[in-house]
Protein backbone atom coordinates (compact mmCIF):
# COMPACT_ATOMS: atom_id res chain seq x y z
CA MET A 1 -0.05 -0.07 0.03
CA GLY A 2 0.99 3.43 -0.66
CA LEU A 3 1.69 6.47 1.52
CA PRO A 4 -1.39 7.41 3.00
CA PRO A 5 -3.06 11.10 2.22
CA ALA A 6 -1.43 13.95 4.70
CA GLU A 7 -4.93 14.76 5.99
CA ILE A 8 -5.59 11.19 7.32
CA ASP A 9 -2.06 10.47 8.37
CA VAL A 10 -2.55 10.06 12.14
CA PHE A 11 1.27 9.02 12.73
CA SER A 12 3.65 10.42 10.67
CA ARG A 13 3.62 14.29 11.68
CA PRO A 14 4.23 13.25 15.33
CA HIS A 15 6.79 10.51 14.65
CA SER A 16 8.69 13.07 12.64
CA ARG A 17 9.25 15.25 15.85
CA ILE A 18 9.75 11.90 18.21
CA LYS A 19 12.64 11.04 15.51
CA ARG A 20 14.36 14.62 15.53
CA LEU A 21 14.31 14.18 19.29
CA VAL A 22 15.89 10.59 19.35
CA ASP A 23 18.58 12.39 17.02
CA SER A 24 18.99 15.08 19.32
CA TYR A 25 19.86 13.29 22.43
CA SER A 26 21.63 10.40 20.61
CA GLN A 27 23.84 13.24 19.24
CA ARG A 28 24.19 14.69 22.97
CA MET A 29 25.15 11.40 24.43
CA SER A 30 28.01 11.03 22.24
CA ASP A 31 29.36 14.43 23.25
CA THR A 32 28.68 14.15 27.00
CA ASP A 33 31.59 13.67 29.84
CA PHE A 34 29.56 11.33 31.99
CA SER A 35 32.50 12.06 34.88
CA ASN A 36 31.70 15.44 34.79
CA TYR A 37 28.92 16.74 36.81
CA SER A 38 27.58 19.77 34.97
CA SER A 39 27.77 18.03 31.70
CA LEU A 40 25.96 14.55 33.30
CA LYS A 41 23.49 16.67 34.99
CA THR A 42 22.65 18.80 31.95
CA PHE A 43 22.31 15.66 29.69
CA LEU A 44 19.84 14.09 32.23
CA ALA A 45 17.85 17.35 32.34
CA ILE A 46 17.65 17.06 28.58
CA LEU A 47 16.58 13.40 28.70
CA ARG A 48 13.74 14.16 31.72
CA LEU A 49 11.88 16.56 29.24
CA THR A 50 12.40 14.05 26.01
CA PHE A 51 10.85 11.14 27.91
CA LYS A 52 8.36 13.56 29.53
CA GLU A 53 7.26 14.09 25.85
CA PHE A 54 7.51 10.85 24.48
CA LYS A 55 5.20 9.60 27.76
CA THR A 56 2.91 12.34 26.73
CA HIS A 57 2.60 11.03 23.04
CA GLU A 58 2.32 7.34 24.18
CA ASN A 59 -0.90 8.65 25.95
CA ILE A 60 -2.14 10.75 23.47
CA GLU A 61 -1.45 7.90 21.18
CA ASN A 62 -3.45 5.42 23.24
CA GLU A 63 -6.33 7.43 23.98
CA CYS A 64 -6.89 9.28 20.59
CA ILE A 65 -6.01 6.04 18.29
CA MET A 66 -5.43 2.78 19.69
CA ASP A 67 -8.39 2.34 21.97
CA LYS A 68 -10.51 3.33 19.01
CA LEU A 69 -9.21 0.70 16.65
CA LYS A 70 -9.77 -1.55 19.33
CA ASN A 71 -13.02 -0.93 19.83
CA ARG A 72 -13.70 -1.22 16.01
CA LEU A 73 -11.91 -4.59 15.69
CA ASP A 74 -14.25 -5.95 18.74
CA TYR A 75 -17.24 -4.52 16.82
CA HIS A 76 -16.05 -6.68 13.76
CA LYS A 77 -15.06 -9.64 15.72
CA VAL A 78 -11.33 -9.15 14.44
CA GLU A 79 -8.35 -10.16 16.47
CA ILE A 80 -5.24 -9.10 15.53
CA SER A 81 -2.20 -9.82 18.20
CA GLU A 82 0.14 -6.39 17.44
CA VAL A 83 -3.20 -4.17 18.33
CA ALA A 84 -3.99 -5.94 21.70
CA GLU A 85 -0.28 -6.11 22.99
CA VAL A 86 0.59 -2.54 21.93
CA HIS A 87 2.52 -0.49 24.61
CA SER A 88 1.86 -3.28 27.07
CA ASP A 89 5.60 -3.78 27.84
CA ASP A 90 6.02 -0.14 29.03
CA CYS A 91 9.39 0.25 27.78
CA LEU A 92 8.83 4.18 28.13
CA GLY A 93 7.88 4.15 31.65
CA LYS A 94 11.07 2.06 32.43
CA MET A 95 13.47 4.43 30.59
CA LYS A 96 11.93 7.58 32.16
CA ARG A 97 12.16 5.89 35.65
CA LEU A 98 15.77 4.95 34.75
CA VAL A 99 16.55 8.63 33.89
CA ASP A 100 14.87 10.15 37.09
CA ASP A 101 16.93 7.82 39.15
CA GLY A 102 20.02 8.94 37.62
CA TRP A 103 19.02 12.45 37.89
CA ALA A 104 18.90 11.91 41.68
CA LYS A 105 21.69 9.87 42.47
CA THR A 106 24.24 12.34 40.68
CA ASP A 107 23.70 14.91 43.36
CA THR A 108 25.62 12.60 46.00
CA CYS A 109 27.86 10.58 43.64
CA SER A 110 31.80 10.87 43.01
CA ARG A 111 33.18 11.24 39.58
CA HIS A 112 33.75 7.52 39.37
CA GLU A 113 30.08 6.92 40.51
CA MET A 114 28.61 9.49 38.02
CA ALA A 115 30.79 7.88 35.18
CA VAL A 116 29.24 4.30 36.28
CA ILE A 117 25.80 5.73 35.92
CA GLY A 118 26.32 7.79 32.67
CA ASN A 119 27.66 4.32 30.91
CA GLN A 120 24.64 2.27 32.30
CA LEU A 121 22.21 5.19 31.10
CA ALA A 122 23.86 5.02 27.76
CA GLU A 123 23.68 1.25 27.26
CA ALA A 124 19.83 1.36 28.05
CA LEU A 125 19.36 4.17 25.69
CA THR A 126 21.11 2.50 22.91
CA LYS A 127 18.69 -0.70 23.51
CA PHE A 128 15.68 1.31 23.84
CA THR A 129 16.69 3.19 20.58
CA GLU A 130 17.08 0.19 18.86
CA ASN A 131 13.65 -0.85 19.67
CA PHE A 132 11.91 2.56 19.66
CA LEU A 133 12.15 3.45 16.18
CA PRO A 134 11.16 0.06 14.53
CA HIS A 135 8.42 0.36 16.88
CA MET A 136 7.23 3.86 15.32
CA LYS A 137 7.59 2.24 11.94
CA GLU A 138 5.36 -0.68 12.68
CA GLU A 139 2.44 2.05 13.54
CA GLU A 140 2.95 3.76 10.31
CA GLU A 141 3.03 0.29 8.43
CA ILE A 142 0.71 -1.95 10.23
CA PHE A 143 -1.49 0.35 12.31
CA GLN A 144 -2.26 2.95 9.38
CA PRO A 145 -3.70 0.75 7.19
CA LEU A 146 -5.93 -1.04 9.36
CA LEU A 147 -7.07 2.46 10.40
CA MET A 148 -7.70 3.22 6.78
CA LYS A 149 -9.68 0.01 6.27
CA TYR A 150 -12.27 0.47 9.39
CA PHE A 151 -12.29 3.92 9.58
CA THR A 152 -14.11 6.52 7.18
CA TYR A 153 -12.40 9.23 5.44
CA ASP A 154 -14.05 11.89 7.81
CA GLU A 155 -13.62 9.70 11.00
CA LEU A 156 -9.69 9.54 9.95
CA ARG A 157 -9.51 13.50 9.45
CA GLU A 158 -11.36 14.02 13.32
CA ILE A 159 -8.93 11.45 14.64
CA ARG A 160 -5.69 13.41 13.04
CA GLY A 161 -7.09 16.79 14.25
CA ASN A 162 -7.72 15.45 17.69
CA VAL A 163 -3.88 14.29 17.79
CA LEU A 164 -2.30 16.84 16.74
CA ARG A 165 -4.57 19.28 19.23
CA GLN A 166 -3.68 16.98 22.29
CA HIS A 167 -0.13 17.30 21.41
CA SER A 168 -0.18 20.95 20.90
CA LEU A 169 -1.77 21.59 24.40
CA PHE A 170 1.65 19.94 25.85
CA MET A 171 4.16 21.64 23.64
CA THR A 172 5.81 24.86 24.68
CA PRO A 173 5.85 28.17 22.46
CA ASP A 174 9.66 27.02 21.37
CA ASP A 175 8.45 23.76 20.20
CA SER A 176 7.36 23.14 16.27
CA TRP A 177 6.17 20.07 14.09
CA GLU A 178 8.74 21.62 11.49
CA GLU A 179 12.80 20.63 12.33
CA LYS A 180 14.76 23.70 13.73
CA THR A 181 17.89 24.90 12.54
CA ASP A 182 20.97 24.42 14.36
CA GLN A 183 20.72 28.01 15.76
CA GLU A 184 17.49 27.06 17.40
CA VAL A 185 18.37 23.94 18.45
CA GLU A 186 21.90 25.64 20.00
CA CYS A 187 19.16 28.53 21.82
CA GLN A 188 17.09 25.69 23.35
CA ASP A 189 20.03 23.57 24.98
CA LYS A 190 21.18 26.92 26.55
CA LEU A 191 17.82 27.19 28.08
CA VAL A 192 17.71 23.79 29.12
CA GLU A 193 21.23 24.14 30.76
CA GLU A 194 19.62 27.15 32.62
CA THR A 195 17.38 24.89 34.41
CA VAL A 196 19.82 22.84 35.90
CA PRO A 197 20.54 23.75 39.43
CA ALA A 198 23.86 24.90 40.29
CA PRO A 199 26.03 23.18 42.56
CA ILE A 200 25.65 25.40 45.73
CA GLN A 201 22.06 24.79 45.18
CA LEU A 202 22.47 21.29 45.94
CA LEU A 203 23.70 21.47 49.40
CA PRO A 204 21.86 20.36 52.35
CA SER A 205 19.54 22.98 53.65
CA GLU A 206 20.95 22.82 56.99
CA LEU A 207 24.44 23.77 55.43
CA THR A 208 22.65 26.43 53.65
CA LEU A 209 21.18 28.19 56.43
CA LYS A 210 24.42 28.28 58.15
CA ILE A 211 25.75 30.10 55.75
CA PHE A 212 23.16 32.43 55.32
CA SER A 213 23.61 33.08 59.18
CA HIS A 214 26.74 35.11 58.04
CA LEU A 215 25.18 37.24 55.47
CA GLY A 216 23.33 40.59 56.60
CA PRO A 217 19.66 41.46 55.95
CA LYS A 218 20.55 43.02 52.52
CA ASP A 219 22.07 40.31 51.38
CA LEU A 220 19.51 37.86 52.60
CA CYS A 221 16.68 39.84 50.80
CA GLN A 222 18.62 39.43 47.59
CA CYS A 223 19.06 35.73 47.96
CA GLN A 224 15.51 35.84 48.15
CA GLN A 225 15.60 36.82 44.55
CA THR A 226 17.68 34.03 43.20
CA CYS A 227 15.38 31.05 43.19
CA SER A 228 12.35 29.51 45.40
CA GLN A 229 14.61 26.96 47.18
CA TRP A 230 16.75 30.38 48.43
CA ALA A 231 13.79 32.44 49.17
CA GLY A 232 12.21 29.98 51.13
CA LEU A 233 15.66 29.41 53.07
CA ALA A 234 16.70 33.01 53.39
CA LYS A 235 13.17 33.83 55.30
CA ASP A 236 13.77 31.08 57.79
CA PRO A 237 13.05 32.62 61.29
CA SER A 238 16.30 31.47 62.95
CA LEU A 239 18.31 34.33 60.62
CA TRP A 240 15.96 37.10 61.61
CA ARG A 241 15.84 37.17 65.58
CA THR A 242 17.33 40.69 65.41
CA ILE A 243 15.90 43.70 63.43
CA TYR A 244 17.57 47.22 63.37
CA PRO A 245 15.30 49.13 60.66
CA VAL A 246 16.69 52.77 61.92
CA ARG A 247 20.40 51.32 61.37
CA TRP A 248 19.86 49.71 58.31
CA ALA A 249 17.98 52.91 56.90
CA GLN A 250 21.54 54.65 57.38
CA GLY A 251 22.96 52.04 55.38
CA GLU A 252 24.15 49.59 57.89
CA TRP A 253 22.98 46.28 57.23
CA ARG A 254 24.00 44.07 60.15
CA PHE A 255 22.65 42.09 62.63
CA ASP A 256 25.29 41.91 65.11
CA ILE A 257 25.40 45.50 66.35
CA PRO A 258 26.99 45.52 69.81
CA GLN A 259 24.62 46.77 72.63
CA ASP A 260 27.41 49.74 73.63
CA GLU A 261 27.25 50.92 70.08
CA LEU A 262 23.55 51.29 70.19
CA GLU A 263 23.74 53.04 73.39
CA ALA A 264 26.10 55.40 72.49
CA GLU A 265 23.63 56.42 69.44
CA ASP A 266 20.89 56.48 71.28
CA GLU A 267 22.21 59.27 73.31
CA THR A 268 23.47 61.26 70.49
CA ASN A 269 20.28 61.02 68.47
CA SER A 270 18.29 61.45 71.49
CA SER A 271 16.70 64.88 70.45
CA PRO A 272 13.15 65.83 71.16
CA PRO A 273 11.29 63.70 67.97
CA HIS A 274 9.29 65.99 65.52
CA LYS A 275 7.14 65.70 63.21
CA VAL A 276 8.26 66.50 59.31
CA ASP A 277 6.02 67.90 56.70
CA GLU A 278 6.88 65.66 53.82
CA ASP A 279 4.94 67.85 51.43
CA ALA A 280 6.94 70.90 52.53
CA ASP A 281 8.76 73.01 49.87
CA ILE A 282 12.24 72.55 50.43
CA ASP A 283 13.16 75.66 48.55
CA GLU A 284 11.41 78.08 51.06
CA SER A 285 14.36 76.98 53.32
CA GLU A 286 16.90 78.08 50.83
CA SER A 287 15.17 81.56 50.70
CA SER A 288 16.17 82.21 54.02
CA GLY A 289 19.84 82.21 52.88
CA ASP A 290 20.41 79.03 54.84
CA SER A 291 21.99 76.56 52.75
CA ASP A 292 23.41 74.21 55.80
CA ASN A 293 19.73 74.16 57.02
CA SER A 294 18.72 73.01 54.04
CA ASP A 295 20.77 70.21 53.11
CA SER A 296 20.22 69.01 56.43
CA SER A 297 16.76 69.19 56.11
CA ARG A 298 17.07 67.27 52.77
CA GLN A 299 19.06 64.53 54.64
CA SER A 300 16.74 64.55 57.38
CA LEU A 301 13.61 63.90 54.84
CA ARG A 302 15.53 61.39 52.93
CA GLN A 303 16.52 59.63 56.25
CA ILE A 304 12.57 59.63 57.23
CA ARG A 305 11.78 58.05 53.83
CA ARG A 306 14.29 55.49 54.14
CA GLU A 307 13.17 54.23 57.38
CA VAL A 308 9.22 54.43 56.36
CA LYS A 309 10.02 52.49 53.39
CA ILE A 310 12.03 49.88 55.24
CA ALA A 311 9.38 49.61 58.07
CA LEU A 312 6.52 49.03 55.80
CA GLY A 313 8.31 46.72 53.57
CA MET A 314 9.26 44.32 56.72
CA VAL A 315 5.42 44.60 57.97
CA LYS A 316 4.05 43.83 54.56
CA HIS A 317 6.64 41.43 53.19
CA LEU A 318 8.94 39.85 56.16
CA LEU A 319 7.49 39.75 59.59
CA PRO A 320 4.46 37.75 58.67
CA VAL A 321 6.95 35.16 57.76
CA VAL A 322 9.56 35.42 60.31
CA GLY A 323 7.97 37.20 63.26
CA ARG A 324 7.76 34.55 65.56
CA GLY A 325 11.38 34.04 65.37
CA VAL A 326 12.28 37.73 66.22
CA ASP A 327 13.90 38.46 69.68
CA VAL A 328 15.31 42.24 69.17
CA VAL A 329 13.07 45.08 67.77
CA HIS A 330 15.45 47.94 68.31
CA LEU A 331 13.71 51.29 66.81
CA ALA A 332 15.28 54.05 68.94
CA ALA A 333 15.43 57.57 67.76
CA SER A 334 13.11 56.87 64.45
CA LYS A 335 11.71 59.76 63.38
CA GLY A 336 9.50 58.17 60.58
CA LEU A 337 8.19 55.71 62.89
CA THR A 338 4.42 55.57 63.73
CA SER A 339 2.38 53.58 66.16
CA GLY A 340 0.54 51.75 63.29
CA MET A 341 3.80 50.54 62.34
CA VAL A 342 4.80 49.23 65.73
CA TYR A 343 1.38 48.04 66.17
CA LYS A 344 1.76 45.57 63.04
CA MET A 345 5.45 44.66 64.16
CA LEU A 346 4.29 43.62 67.83
CA GLN A 347 1.44 41.65 66.12
CA TYR A 348 3.69 39.62 64.01
CA THR A 349 6.55 39.53 66.97
CA PRO A 350 4.70 37.65 69.90
CA ASN A 351 8.32 36.21 71.54
CA VAL A 352 10.13 39.51 71.28
CA ARG A 353 12.12 39.74 74.33
CA TYR A 354 13.84 43.10 73.68
CA LEU A 355 11.86 46.27 72.54
CA ASN A 356 13.44 49.90 72.22
CA LEU A 357 11.38 52.62 71.46
CA SER A 358 13.05 55.41 73.28
CA SER A 359 12.61 58.92 71.72
CA THR A 360 10.22 58.15 69.10
CA MET A 361 6.59 59.49 68.76
CA VAL A 362 4.87 56.20 69.54
CA SER A 363 1.65 56.60 71.38
CA ASP A 364 -0.77 54.07 73.41
CA VAL A 365 -2.12 53.11 70.00
CA ALA A 366 1.04 51.10 69.20
CA PHE A 367 0.42 48.41 72.35
CA LYS A 368 -3.35 48.13 71.39
CA GLY A 369 -4.45 44.54 71.41
CA LEU A 370 -1.77 42.75 73.18
CA SER A 371 -3.57 40.64 74.80
CA ARG A 372 -5.27 39.32 71.65
CA HIS A 373 -1.90 38.74 69.82
CA ASN A 374 -0.57 37.10 72.73
CA SER A 375 2.75 39.63 72.35
CA CYS A 376 5.07 41.33 74.94
CA SER A 377 4.44 38.31 77.26
CA LYS A 378 8.29 37.28 77.16
CA LEU A 379 9.65 40.94 77.24
CA GLU A 380 12.85 41.27 79.19
CA PHE A 381 13.64 44.78 78.01
CA LEU A 382 11.64 47.25 77.35
CA ASP A 383 12.58 50.91 76.77
CA LEU A 384 10.47 53.65 76.40
CA SER A 385 12.25 56.43 77.48
CA GLY A 386 11.37 59.96 75.86
CA CYS A 387 8.00 58.61 74.39
CA VAL A 388 6.11 61.45 75.78
CA ASN A 389 2.78 60.18 74.13
CA ILE A 390 2.87 57.17 76.55
CA THR A 391 0.06 56.81 79.21
CA ASP A 392 -1.29 54.78 81.81
CA VAL A 393 -2.97 53.00 78.95
CA THR A 394 -0.05 51.54 77.64
CA LEU A 395 1.07 50.05 81.01
CA GLN A 396 -2.40 48.48 81.79
CA ARG A 397 -2.29 47.00 78.04
CA LEU A 398 0.87 45.41 79.08
CA SER A 399 -0.71 44.18 82.43
CA GLU A 400 -3.72 42.97 80.69
CA ALA A 401 -1.48 40.78 77.97
CA SER A 402 0.54 39.11 81.29
CA HIS A 403 -3.09 38.42 82.66
CA ARG A 404 -4.29 36.88 79.44
CA ARG A 405 -1.18 34.86 79.43
CA GLN A 406 -1.57 33.63 83.13
CA SER A 407 -5.30 32.74 82.25
CA ASN A 408 -3.98 30.45 79.50
CA ILE A 409 -1.51 28.99 81.60
CA ASP A 410 -4.11 28.43 84.34
CA GLN A 411 -6.55 26.88 81.85
CA GLN A 412 -3.92 24.45 80.78
CA SER A 413 -3.04 23.24 84.24
CA GLY A 414 -6.46 22.44 85.06
CA GLY A 415 -7.55 25.47 87.04
CA SER A 416 -10.60 26.80 88.80
CA SER A 417 -13.71 25.80 87.09
CA LEU A 418 -15.41 29.01 87.70
CA LYS A 419 -16.76 30.72 84.91
CA PHE A 420 -17.17 34.82 84.88
CA ASP A 421 -18.71 37.14 82.13
CA LYS A 422 -17.62 40.16 80.74
CA ASN A 423 -18.70 42.35 83.77
CA GLY A 424 -17.06 39.92 86.31
CA LYS A 425 -19.61 38.27 87.31
CA GLN A 426 -20.15 34.42 88.09
CA MET A 427 -21.90 32.55 85.19
CA LEU A 428 -24.88 30.19 86.32
CA GLY A 429 -24.23 26.63 86.76
CA THR A 430 -20.31 27.16 87.96
CA VAL A 431 -21.24 27.46 91.49
CA PRO A 432 -19.20 23.96 93.37
CA ASP A 433 -21.52 22.08 95.11
CA ALA A 434 -21.04 23.21 98.84
CA ARG A 435 -21.41 19.56 99.96
CA LYS A 436 -18.15 18.69 98.14
CA THR A 437 -16.21 21.57 98.86
CA CYS A 438 -14.17 23.44 101.48
CA PRO A 439 -15.99 26.33 103.31
CA LYS A 440 -13.22 28.50 103.36
CA CYS A 441 -11.35 28.10 100.10
CA GLY A 442 -14.06 26.06 97.78
CA ILE A 443 -11.43 23.16 97.36
CA PRO A 444 -13.03 20.04 96.52
CA ARG A 445 -13.15 17.37 99.51
CA SER A 446 -14.04 13.92 99.74
CA THR A 447 -17.64 13.44 101.70
CA ASN A 448 -15.90 11.43 104.33
CA GLU A 449 -13.46 13.74 105.68
CA SER A 450 -13.12 15.29 109.09
CA ILE A 451 -13.09 18.77 110.13
CA VAL A 452 -9.48 18.55 110.99
CA GLN A 453 -8.53 16.93 108.20
CA GLU A 454 -10.13 19.38 105.91
CA GLN A 455 -8.74 22.33 107.95
CA GLU A 456 -5.22 20.85 107.47
CA ALA A 457 -5.75 20.05 103.93
CA CYS A 458 -7.15 23.67 103.43
CA SER A 459 -4.11 25.02 104.57
CA VAL A 460 -1.52 22.60 102.39
CA GLN A 461 -3.66 23.59 99.33
CA LYS A 462 -3.82 27.51 100.03
CA SER A 463 0.08 27.05 100.55
CA ASN A 464 0.22 25.22 97.08
CA ASN A 465 -1.96 27.61 95.37
CA SER A 466 0.23 30.54 96.46
CA MET A 467 3.59 29.02 95.46
CA GLY A 468 1.84 27.75 92.18
CA SER A 469 0.72 31.05 91.83
CA ASP A 470 3.64 32.94 92.10
CA LYS A 471 5.91 30.78 89.93
CA LEU A 472 3.37 30.75 87.19
CA ARG A 473 3.27 34.66 87.44
CA THR A 474 6.84 35.08 87.62
CA ARG A 475 7.76 37.58 84.78
CA THR A 476 10.97 37.87 82.57
CA LEU A 477 11.24 41.47 82.66
CA LYS A 478 14.72 42.56 83.73
CA TYR A 479 14.82 46.56 82.48
CA LEU A 480 12.02 48.82 81.98
CA SER A 481 12.80 52.30 81.56
CA LEU A 482 9.96 55.09 81.35
CA SER A 483 12.28 58.13 81.38
CA GLY A 484 10.23 61.12 80.56
CA CYS A 485 6.81 59.54 80.56
CA TYR A 486 5.69 62.51 82.24
CA ARG A 487 1.95 61.16 81.61
CA ILE A 488 2.22 58.12 83.74
CA THR A 489 0.32 58.14 86.88
CA ASP A 490 -0.03 55.94 89.89
CA ALA A 491 -2.87 54.11 87.87
CA GLY A 492 -0.27 52.92 85.73
CA LEU A 493 2.21 52.03 88.15
CA ARG A 494 -0.36 49.90 89.98
CA ALA A 495 -1.40 47.81 86.77
CA LEU A 496 1.98 46.89 86.62
CA GLN A 497 2.08 45.94 90.33
CA ARG A 498 -1.14 43.44 89.96
CA ALA A 499 0.85 41.75 86.73
CA GLY A 500 3.61 41.06 89.04
CA PRO A 501 5.93 39.84 90.65
CA TYR A 502 8.85 40.69 88.74
CA PRO A 503 11.80 38.80 90.28
CA HIS A 504 14.37 39.62 87.65
CA LEU A 505 13.72 43.24 87.30
CA SER A 506 16.88 45.14 88.18
CA HIS A 507 16.52 48.52 86.16
CA LEU A 508 13.90 50.58 86.77
CA ASP A 509 13.88 54.49 85.51
CA LEU A 510 10.91 56.73 86.07
CA SER A 511 12.98 59.90 85.83
CA GLY A 512 10.66 62.61 84.83
CA CYS A 513 7.56 61.02 85.57
CA LEU A 514 6.02 64.04 87.43
CA ASN A 515 2.59 62.49 88.47
CA VAL A 516 3.70 59.65 90.14
CA SER A 517 3.51 59.71 94.13
CA ALA A 518 5.92 57.85 96.77
CA GLU A 519 2.91 55.75 97.40
CA GLY A 520 2.76 54.48 93.93
CA LEU A 521 6.35 54.06 93.90
CA ARG A 522 6.41 51.55 96.92
CA ASP A 523 3.45 49.73 95.50
CA LEU A 524 5.45 48.91 92.27
CA VAL A 525 8.79 47.90 94.18
CA LYS A 526 6.99 45.48 96.38
CA VAL A 527 6.69 43.04 93.65
CA CYS A 528 10.53 43.69 92.33
CA ASP A 529 12.71 41.75 94.78
CA SER A 530 15.68 42.16 92.91
CA LEU A 531 15.63 45.67 91.99
CA ASP A 532 19.27 47.08 92.04
CA HIS A 533 18.67 50.57 94.22
CA GLN A 534 21.35 52.03 91.99
CA GLU A 535 19.49 51.31 88.56
CA PHE A 536 16.47 52.66 90.52
CA PHE A 537 15.59 56.37 89.06
CA TYR A 538 12.89 58.72 90.01
CA CYS A 539 12.09 62.26 90.57
CA ASP A 540 13.94 64.11 93.39
CA ASN A 541 10.89 66.16 94.26
CA ILE A 542 8.88 62.98 95.34
CA ARG A 543 9.49 62.72 99.26
CA GLY A 544 9.02 59.37 101.03
CA GLY A 545 9.59 57.30 98.18
CA PRO A 546 11.29 54.01 98.35
CA TYR A 547 14.81 53.34 99.58
CA PRO A 548 15.26 57.16 99.95
CA GLN A 549 19.16 56.84 100.92
CA THR A 550 19.98 54.18 98.17
CA ALA A 551 18.02 54.66 95.16
CA SER A 552 19.14 57.04 92.52
CA GLY A 553 18.00 60.20 91.59
CA CYS A 554 16.49 61.52 88.40
CA GLN A 555 18.59 60.84 85.28
CA ASN A 556 17.13 63.63 83.05
CA LEU A 557 18.53 66.68 85.41
CA GLN A 558 21.38 66.88 82.59
CA CYS A 559 19.29 65.53 79.39
CA SER A 560 17.76 68.72 77.93
CA SER A 561 15.70 66.45 75.50
CA ARG A 562 13.61 64.57 78.07
CA VAL A 563 10.99 65.88 80.72
CA CYS A 564 12.71 66.67 84.23
CA CYS A 565 10.87 67.42 87.75
CA ARG A 566 12.96 70.25 88.00
CA SER A 567 12.44 71.72 84.62
CA GLY A 568 8.72 72.87 85.26
CA GLU A 569 8.01 71.02 82.24
């Protein structure tokens, strides 16, 4: 039988492309150095794409051609063994699995082992090709005539169109049915080589993280833009334990900034915070003839914009991913910081232990919702010195966050079964049975206990509850500075007291807090057993305060940027 008309030839066009791919990998195989990692990996990448397309071609052929032919032969009660057993040996599947296995093994092989894998693969490919090409010829010489015998002309046109349409769905824009020029083949090979991962990308994740731990924040952000693997590793929370947005905005992209260096700069930059109008016309300052002030204003404005850009970028893209690993948040002396930014940062960093907001314009809004987000409950260092907008509300919110954490611990440890509504009233159905509880403390008792036993058990239970409560309510706070927060009153100090005790608190600075009294100070220090008297500062105008002989006085006497009790502010 002669060649079939092109419009009903269902095999020739797909086979022409398959044959070109066979010629391509056969040529590539002869040029590959199997002992060279890059050469072998590139060859395997090409084979993976090739055999993926081969398997797709086989599935399309089975679905669109061979299944229809089998059904038509069954209808005519004709049995042909070649049709019934076509593709039953799964040669393509076996070869594809061999290629995938070689791809995985080469990442951990020596040069000798790679050479062995390559030679085994080359031998298998040679055998596969020797059988694959005759198989395609068999399809063209046996199956095509059968199709022409049992199908009409229109049916074959429809089958051919469906086959080509299915193939086009899996072909990339660079693929074509026509044979490519040498230049096009070379360009495609380069694209394939670019998909092969670099050797450094094949390192274990633990080792990559160790390398990343020596990089700065800017370098990590650049690593995130290289590939999806590095993007995930560079956002590992263990790499972002400390954040210094102000220093980063100044161009110092570091994680390991010494504490003494930070304190020295904070003292230098502790000028009174002010709001800058970014819409102001800078040329107006030039008209005054003071060019130095104009340059300083421009520089200050650029610094503010950089701080805002970095802070907003962190809140939007970084902290939602790494926030739970952040321990240190240093925002001291930031001129562009807003309460909304701090609110978002605290929302995403529930485990923060060091928080420095000194000399900023933040207000109580920054600490809104602490108990809801379970944030600031692990604070060891809190510096709000110079934050003139902070009031008792902030201290009350810090206290509520501590109480919320305490209530969660009580529930987990099997605390009281009593329930209360939002107004503090006991809810119905939660009153313990008086016949089964101690009349003094409400602790459940067995009915056969004597009065003496109940009293002894009651005293023991009270002691255990007291010890357990103190242990659970222990706070980690070691450093607290409210210097210059003149709006704070005794109500705020007592809110802190209720959230105590603070067995680790050694530094407490209340310099410039004009509206607190000696009584409020005494109530607070009662729950601060480890307070260092030399690190305890409060206004000299307060008479009868705690530790009058050993406590230090006001620290703001020589500080023009913060409120002082003797300045009349």
